[in-house]
Amino acid sequence: MSKVFITILILFLSSCTDKNDKLANDSLEQEISKAKVTEFKELYFVGIYSGLPSIYKYDFIKDKLRVLWSHKSERVLDLLVSEDRQTAYFITKWKQRLKSSKPAIERGRLYRIDLNTDKVEPITRLEEGLQIIAFWTDNDRFTIVINSVDKTIASYINKNTQVYNRFGKLLSDNNEIFDLTKDGYPVTKLSALENTSPNKLFKIDEKNDTIIIHQSDIKNEMKVEFQKKEIKQIDWAENNKQVIFLLMDKSELSSKEKISTSLVIFDLQKKTVVKVFESAGYKRFVLIGDLLIFDNDFGRDSFIELFNLSSLSEKRKIKISGGCGLKNIPSI
């Protein structure tokens, strides 16, 4: 094979690669130009009221807060809002015991909120349990799992899984028994990370402390390296231009220590990280319209921060005496 032919072949392949890269970048430009960013109007979250975790509603337009739900004998354990922000469920508890031989949750309740009308309705009384795990499978299915010690055989764990639709109707109620000596403690599989963009142009892999971002039809990979951290949450901005990661320290620290976390904004158009928040207080985030909204700090000092993605600047902070958070009051 002659040197001239090889040179022509290399130039041809290079030309094809450049052409594919241009087409892929043009596709991204089109996605960005046609992106529809919703108008951010309100936020539902958990905050302290009269000494108890309660449900708040924040009016962004008027910059005002109001208590949506509170009870003198119940504490809000978790608030879970559907991705389309049409429905929310929240779990309350009467009190929590400290001794391991006693139930962790007593007299718990499940409530539903219609976010179009702000109507709150009780759904069911929850059984006593060692652990409660709740999550949205999709916009139409809400799952709650309660693990409890069997009342007859102490080495058995009962796993009760209930699935509700967005209107509060019970779709399924399933019980399983796990023998700790043979089966181990029951594991609940949560929803997978959103590692593919809604427009299917990007896919994310995690390997050896490196986040690898693949763009369709482009061979070159975009890489983000963070030592000894793993991805806990991924979400794609409505503007089709950015992806946000929540990274947590991999090291196993004691419960009394604050685990280091990072909140990272990656610009898919510029192919680079444009903002990094470093703190132990970032527990979770949500994207609404052009805003990145996330928990910050812990306990009585916890607050919610609103960050503008277009200007990459702080927009507002929501602070309440006693602390607040998107899902619950963040703790160490």
Protein backbone atom coordinates (compact mmCIF):
# COMPACT_ATOMS: atom_id res chain seq x y z
CA MET A 1 0.00 0.00 0.00
CA SER A 2 1.55 3.30 -1.10
CA LYS A 3 2.17 6.23 1.25
CA VAL A 4 0.02 8.43 -1.00
CA PHE A 5 -2.96 6.08 -0.65
CA ILE A 6 -2.56 5.91 3.14
CA THR A 7 -2.42 9.71 3.34
CA ILE A 8 -5.58 10.02 1.22
CA LEU A 9 -7.33 7.41 3.41
CA ILE A 10 -6.41 9.27 6.61
CA LEU A 11 -7.64 12.56 5.17
CA PHE A 12 -10.88 10.90 4.07
CA LEU A 13 -11.52 9.35 7.50
CA SER A 14 -10.68 12.64 9.19
CA SER A 15 -13.11 14.44 6.90
CA CYS A 16 -15.85 11.92 7.74
CA THR A 17 -15.19 12.35 11.47
CA ASP A 18 -15.32 16.14 11.19
CA LYS A 19 -18.56 15.88 9.22
CA ASN A 20 -20.13 13.56 11.83
CA ASP A 21 -19.01 15.86 14.64
CA LYS A 22 -20.56 18.85 12.89
CA LEU A 23 -23.84 17.01 12.34
CA ALA A 24 -23.95 15.93 15.99
CA ASN A 25 -23.22 19.46 17.21
CA ASP A 26 -25.87 20.83 14.84
CA SER A 27 -28.35 18.38 16.38
CA LEU A 28 -27.49 19.70 19.83
CA GLU A 29 -27.91 23.29 18.63
CA GLN A 30 -31.36 22.41 17.30
CA GLU A 31 -32.33 20.76 20.60
CA ILE A 32 -31.19 23.83 22.54
CA SER A 33 -33.05 26.23 20.24
CA LYS A 34 -36.35 24.34 20.52
CA ALA A 35 -36.12 23.71 24.28
CA LYS A 36 -39.22 24.75 26.22
CA VAL A 37 -38.33 25.86 29.72
CA THR A 38 -41.27 25.89 32.13
CA GLU A 39 -42.00 28.94 34.24
CA PHE A 40 -41.09 28.31 37.86
CA LYS A 41 -43.97 29.36 40.08
CA GLU A 42 -43.91 27.42 43.33
CA LEU A 43 -42.03 24.94 45.44
CA TYR A 44 -43.27 22.43 48.03
CA PHE A 45 -40.85 21.44 50.77
CA VAL A 46 -40.46 20.39 54.40
CA GLY A 47 -39.74 23.00 57.07
CA ILE A 48 -40.09 23.44 60.82
CA TYR A 49 -43.33 24.98 62.08
CA SER A 50 -44.14 25.15 65.80
CA GLY A 51 -41.17 22.88 66.42
CA LEU A 52 -42.37 20.11 64.04
CA PRO A 53 -41.42 19.22 60.44
CA SER A 54 -44.38 20.38 58.31
CA ILE A 55 -45.28 20.98 54.65
CA TYR A 56 -44.61 24.44 53.21
CA LYS A 57 -45.44 26.07 49.90
CA TYR A 58 -43.20 28.79 48.46
CA ASP A 59 -44.66 31.28 45.95
CA PHE A 60 -41.73 32.28 43.76
CA ILE A 61 -43.53 35.15 42.01
CA LYS A 62 -44.55 36.84 45.27
CA ASP A 63 -41.51 35.54 47.18
CA LYS A 64 -43.78 34.38 50.02
CA LEU A 65 -44.06 31.28 52.21
CA ARG A 66 -47.07 29.64 53.78
CA VAL A 67 -47.67 26.48 55.80
CA LEU A 68 -49.69 24.03 53.71
CA TRP A 69 -50.01 21.27 56.31
CA SER A 70 -48.99 20.81 59.95
CA HIS A 71 -50.18 18.66 62.84
CA LYS A 72 -49.48 19.08 66.53
CA SER A 73 -48.79 15.34 67.00
CA GLU A 74 -47.27 14.31 63.66
CA ARG A 75 -43.87 14.97 62.13
CA VAL A 76 -43.31 14.89 58.39
CA LEU A 77 -40.78 12.17 57.66
CA ASP A 78 -40.53 12.49 53.87
CA LEU A 79 -42.13 14.52 51.07
CA LEU A 80 -42.02 12.97 47.60
CA VAL A 81 -43.16 15.07 44.63
CA SER A 82 -43.83 13.45 41.25
CA GLU A 83 -41.51 14.41 38.39
CA ASP A 84 -44.30 16.25 36.55
CA ARG A 85 -45.06 18.14 39.80
CA GLN A 86 -48.78 17.33 39.68
CA THR A 87 -48.99 15.10 42.75
CA ALA A 88 -47.09 14.56 45.98
CA TYR A 89 -47.19 12.06 48.81
CA PHE A 90 -45.83 12.61 52.28
CA ILE A 91 -45.22 10.29 55.21
CA THR A 92 -45.61 11.27 58.84
CA LYS A 93 -44.62 9.56 62.07
CA TRP A 94 -45.93 9.92 65.59
CA LYS A 95 -42.57 9.45 67.23
CA GLN A 96 -39.35 7.50 66.86
CA ARG A 97 -37.95 5.18 69.50
CA LEU A 98 -34.24 4.88 70.10
CA LYS A 99 -34.02 1.27 71.31
CA SER A 100 -33.37 -1.18 68.49
CA SER A 101 -35.78 -3.69 70.02
CA LYS A 102 -38.68 -1.30 69.43
CA PRO A 103 -40.28 -0.17 66.16
CA ALA A 104 -38.50 2.75 64.49
CA ILE A 105 -41.79 4.17 63.24
CA GLU A 106 -45.00 4.20 65.22
CA ARG A 107 -48.44 5.40 64.14
CA GLY A 108 -47.19 6.50 60.74
CA ARG A 109 -49.53 7.86 58.08
CA LEU A 110 -49.47 8.38 54.34
CA TYR A 111 -50.98 11.55 52.86
CA ARG A 112 -51.49 12.75 49.30
CA ILE A 113 -51.40 16.33 47.93
CA ASP A 114 -53.09 17.39 44.69
CA LEU A 115 -50.64 20.10 43.64
CA ASN A 116 -53.19 21.71 41.32
CA THR A 117 -55.60 22.43 44.16
CA ASP A 118 -53.30 22.12 47.23
CA LYS A 119 -55.83 19.67 48.68
CA VAL A 120 -54.31 17.32 51.29
CA GLU A 121 -56.01 13.97 51.94
CA PRO A 122 -55.11 11.09 54.29
CA ILE A 123 -54.53 7.82 52.43
CA THR A 124 -53.76 5.14 55.00
CA ARG A 125 -52.33 4.32 58.43
CA LEU A 126 -48.90 2.71 58.09
CA GLU A 127 -47.85 -0.37 60.04
CA GLU A 128 -44.99 -0.25 62.53
CA GLY A 129 -41.62 -0.87 60.95
CA LEU A 130 -37.86 -0.77 61.21
CA GLN A 131 -37.50 1.03 57.90
CA ILE A 132 -39.66 2.91 55.40
CA ILE A 133 -38.54 3.38 51.79
CA ALA A 134 -40.71 5.44 49.45
CA PHE A 135 -40.22 6.56 45.85
CA TRP A 136 -41.98 7.40 42.59
CA THR A 137 -41.56 4.68 39.94
CA ASP A 138 -43.01 7.09 37.37
CA ASN A 139 -45.57 9.92 37.32
CA ASP A 140 -48.43 7.44 37.81
CA ARG A 141 -47.01 4.98 40.37
CA PHE A 142 -45.86 5.67 43.91
CA THR A 143 -44.25 2.85 45.93
CA ILE A 144 -43.83 2.54 49.68
CA VAL A 145 -41.89 -0.31 51.31
CA ILE A 146 -42.03 -1.10 55.05
CA ASN A 147 -39.62 -3.60 56.60
CA SER A 148 -40.58 -4.91 60.03
CA VAL A 149 -39.52 -7.66 62.44
CA ASP A 150 -41.83 -10.64 62.42
CA LYS A 151 -43.89 -10.79 65.64
CA THR A 152 -43.48 -14.57 65.93
CA ILE A 153 -39.94 -15.33 64.71
CA ALA A 154 -37.37 -12.63 65.53
CA SER A 155 -34.98 -13.69 62.74
CA TYR A 156 -37.66 -13.04 60.10
CA ILE A 157 -38.15 -9.68 58.40
CA ASN A 158 -41.49 -8.89 56.81
CA LYS A 159 -41.31 -6.74 53.70
CA ASN A 160 -44.59 -5.06 52.76
CA THR A 161 -44.70 -3.27 49.38
CA GLN A 162 -47.65 -1.06 48.46
CA VAL A 163 -48.11 0.70 45.13
CA TYR A 164 -50.52 3.62 44.66
CA ASN A 165 -51.52 5.58 41.59
CA ARG A 166 -51.36 9.37 41.42
CA PHE A 167 -54.95 9.66 42.69
CA GLY A 168 -54.31 7.71 45.91
CA LYS A 169 -55.80 4.38 44.80
CA LEU A 170 -54.01 1.26 46.06
CA LEU A 171 -52.89 -0.77 43.03
CA SER A 172 -51.10 -3.62 44.80
CA ASP A 173 -50.21 -4.78 48.31
CA ASN A 174 -47.53 -7.48 48.51
CA ASN A 175 -45.95 -9.20 51.55
CA GLU A 176 -42.65 -11.12 51.57
CA ILE A 177 -40.81 -12.86 54.41
CA PHE A 178 -37.00 -12.88 54.64
CA ASP A 179 -35.02 -15.15 56.96
CA LEU A 180 -32.01 -13.09 58.08
CA THR A 181 -29.94 -16.25 58.63
CA LYS A 182 -30.49 -17.45 55.05
CA ASP A 183 -31.74 -14.60 52.88
CA GLY A 184 -30.12 -11.61 54.59
CA TYR A 185 -31.84 -8.26 55.04
CA PRO A 186 -34.29 -7.42 52.20
CA VAL A 187 -32.97 -5.04 49.55
CA THR A 188 -35.27 -2.64 47.71
CA LYS A 189 -34.28 -1.76 44.16
CA LEU A 190 -34.71 1.96 43.55
CA SER A 191 -35.17 3.70 40.22
CA ALA A 192 -32.03 3.74 38.07
CA LEU A 193 -30.06 6.93 37.47
CA GLU A 194 -31.12 9.04 34.49
CA ASN A 195 -27.92 8.31 32.58
CA THR A 196 -29.46 8.97 29.14
CA SER A 197 -30.65 12.44 28.17
CA PRO A 198 -34.36 12.81 27.29
CA ASN A 199 -33.44 13.67 23.69
CA LYS A 200 -31.17 10.57 23.50
CA LEU A 201 -28.18 12.64 22.36
CA PHE A 202 -26.06 11.85 25.43
CA LYS A 203 -25.31 8.85 27.61
CA ILE A 204 -23.30 8.76 30.84
CA ASP A 205 -21.04 6.02 32.21
CA GLU A 206 -19.09 5.93 35.45
CA LYS A 207 -15.70 4.20 35.55
CA ASN A 208 -12.63 4.46 37.79
CA ASP A 209 -13.52 7.80 39.42
CA THR A 210 -14.34 9.22 35.99
CA ILE A 211 -17.67 10.34 34.54
CA ILE A 212 -17.69 9.61 30.80
CA ILE A 213 -20.20 11.51 28.66
CA HIS A 214 -20.87 10.03 25.23
CA GLN A 215 -22.46 12.17 22.53
CA SER A 216 -24.22 10.27 19.76
CA ASP A 217 -22.29 10.10 16.45
CA ILE A 218 -19.18 11.59 18.04
CA LYS A 219 -16.25 9.30 18.88
CA ASN A 220 -14.49 11.66 21.27
CA GLU A 221 -15.67 11.25 24.86
CA MET A 222 -16.10 14.00 27.42
CA LYS A 223 -14.61 13.11 30.78
CA VAL A 224 -15.02 14.52 34.27
CA GLU A 225 -12.69 13.18 36.95
CA PHE A 226 -13.48 13.29 40.68
CA GLN A 227 -11.37 11.27 43.07
CA LYS A 228 -13.12 8.72 45.31
CA LYS A 229 -16.65 9.89 44.55
CA GLU A 230 -19.68 8.21 43.03
CA ILE A 231 -22.78 9.55 41.29
CA LYS A 232 -25.84 9.70 43.55
CA GLN A 233 -28.14 11.74 41.30
CA ILE A 234 -28.22 12.84 37.64
CA ASP A 235 -30.67 15.23 36.03
CA TRP A 236 -30.86 16.97 32.66
CA ALA A 237 -31.70 20.67 32.41
CA GLU A 238 -34.83 21.68 30.50
CA ASN A 239 -32.68 23.92 28.30
CA ASN A 240 -31.07 20.76 26.79
CA LYS A 241 -27.70 22.39 27.42
CA GLN A 242 -26.61 21.19 30.84
CA VAL A 243 -26.47 18.05 32.96
CA ILE A 244 -26.15 18.18 36.75
CA PHE A 245 -24.48 15.57 38.96
CA LEU A 246 -24.61 15.02 42.70
CA LEU A 247 -21.44 13.20 43.77
CA MET A 248 -20.82 11.65 47.18
CA ASP A 249 -17.63 10.49 48.86
CA LYS A 250 -17.11 6.74 48.46
CA SER A 251 -15.29 6.32 51.76
CA GLU A 252 -17.28 4.72 54.55
CA LEU A 253 -17.39 7.35 57.27
CA SER A 254 -18.98 6.99 60.67
CA SER A 255 -22.50 8.33 61.10
CA LYS A 256 -21.15 11.21 63.18
CA GLU A 257 -19.04 12.57 60.34
CA LYS A 258 -20.20 14.74 57.46
CA ILE A 259 -19.76 12.94 54.14
CA SER A 260 -18.28 15.22 51.47
CA THR A 261 -20.53 15.91 48.49
CA SER A 262 -20.17 17.84 45.24
CA LEU A 263 -22.82 19.41 43.01
CA VAL A 264 -21.51 19.69 39.45
CA ILE A 265 -22.95 21.59 36.46
CA PHE A 266 -21.61 20.33 33.12
CA ASP A 267 -22.24 22.37 29.94
CA LEU A 268 -22.90 19.93 27.08
CA GLN A 269 -22.41 22.63 24.47
CA LYS A 270 -19.12 23.92 25.85
CA LYS A 271 -18.12 20.36 26.80
CA THR A 272 -16.81 21.40 30.18
CA VAL A 273 -17.68 21.79 33.87
CA VAL A 274 -18.92 25.35 34.44
CA LYS A 275 -19.72 25.24 38.16
CA VAL A 276 -18.90 23.06 41.16
CA PHE A 277 -20.39 23.37 44.66
CA GLU A 278 -18.31 21.66 47.36
CA SER A 279 -19.87 21.00 50.75
CA ALA A 280 -21.09 18.29 53.08
CA GLY A 281 -24.59 19.76 53.03
CA TYR A 282 -25.73 18.98 49.48
CA LYS A 283 -28.14 16.07 49.90
CA ARG A 284 -30.45 16.32 46.89
CA PHE A 285 -31.54 18.68 44.12
CA VAL A 286 -34.33 19.29 41.64
CA LEU A 287 -34.46 21.16 38.31
CA ILE A 288 -37.48 23.34 37.62
CA GLY A 289 -37.49 25.70 34.65
CA ASP A 290 -34.16 27.51 34.55
CA LEU A 291 -33.40 26.89 38.22
CA LEU A 292 -31.23 24.38 40.05
CA ILE A 293 -32.79 24.00 43.52
CA PHE A 294 -30.89 22.13 46.21
CA ASP A 295 -30.58 21.44 49.93
CA ASN A 296 -27.75 23.10 51.83
CA ASP A 297 -26.34 22.57 55.35
CA PHE A 298 -27.83 20.44 58.14
CA GLY A 299 -30.44 20.43 60.90
CA ARG A 300 -31.44 23.81 62.27
CA ASP A 301 -29.03 25.53 59.86
CA SER A 302 -30.38 23.80 56.74
CA PHE A 303 -31.85 25.91 53.93
CA ILE A 304 -32.81 25.63 50.26
CA GLU A 305 -30.82 27.42 47.58
CA LEU A 306 -32.11 28.51 44.16
CA PHE A 307 -29.45 28.86 41.46
CA ASN A 308 -30.00 30.27 37.95
CA LEU A 309 -28.58 27.99 35.25
CA SER A 310 -28.45 30.61 32.49
CA SER A 311 -26.52 33.22 34.44
CA LEU A 312 -24.77 30.70 36.73
CA SER A 313 -25.57 32.89 39.69
CA GLU A 314 -27.45 32.56 42.97
CA LYS A 315 -31.09 33.54 42.67
CA ARG A 316 -32.55 33.17 46.17
CA LYS A 317 -32.33 31.29 49.43
CA ILE A 318 -35.26 29.87 51.37
CA LYS A 319 -34.60 29.94 55.10
CA ILE A 320 -36.87 28.98 57.98
CA SER A 321 -36.11 29.05 61.69
CA GLY A 322 -35.35 25.45 62.59
CA GLY A 323 -34.32 24.40 59.08
CA CYS A 324 -35.89 23.14 55.85
CA GLY A 325 -35.25 20.77 52.94
CA LEU A 326 -36.75 19.50 49.69
CA LYS A 327 -37.62 16.04 51.03
CA ASN A 328 -37.01 16.36 54.79
CA ILE A 329 -34.85 18.29 57.23
CA PRO A 330 -31.30 17.33 56.12
CA SER A 331 -29.27 15.60 58.81
CA ILE A 332 -25.67 14.46 58.95
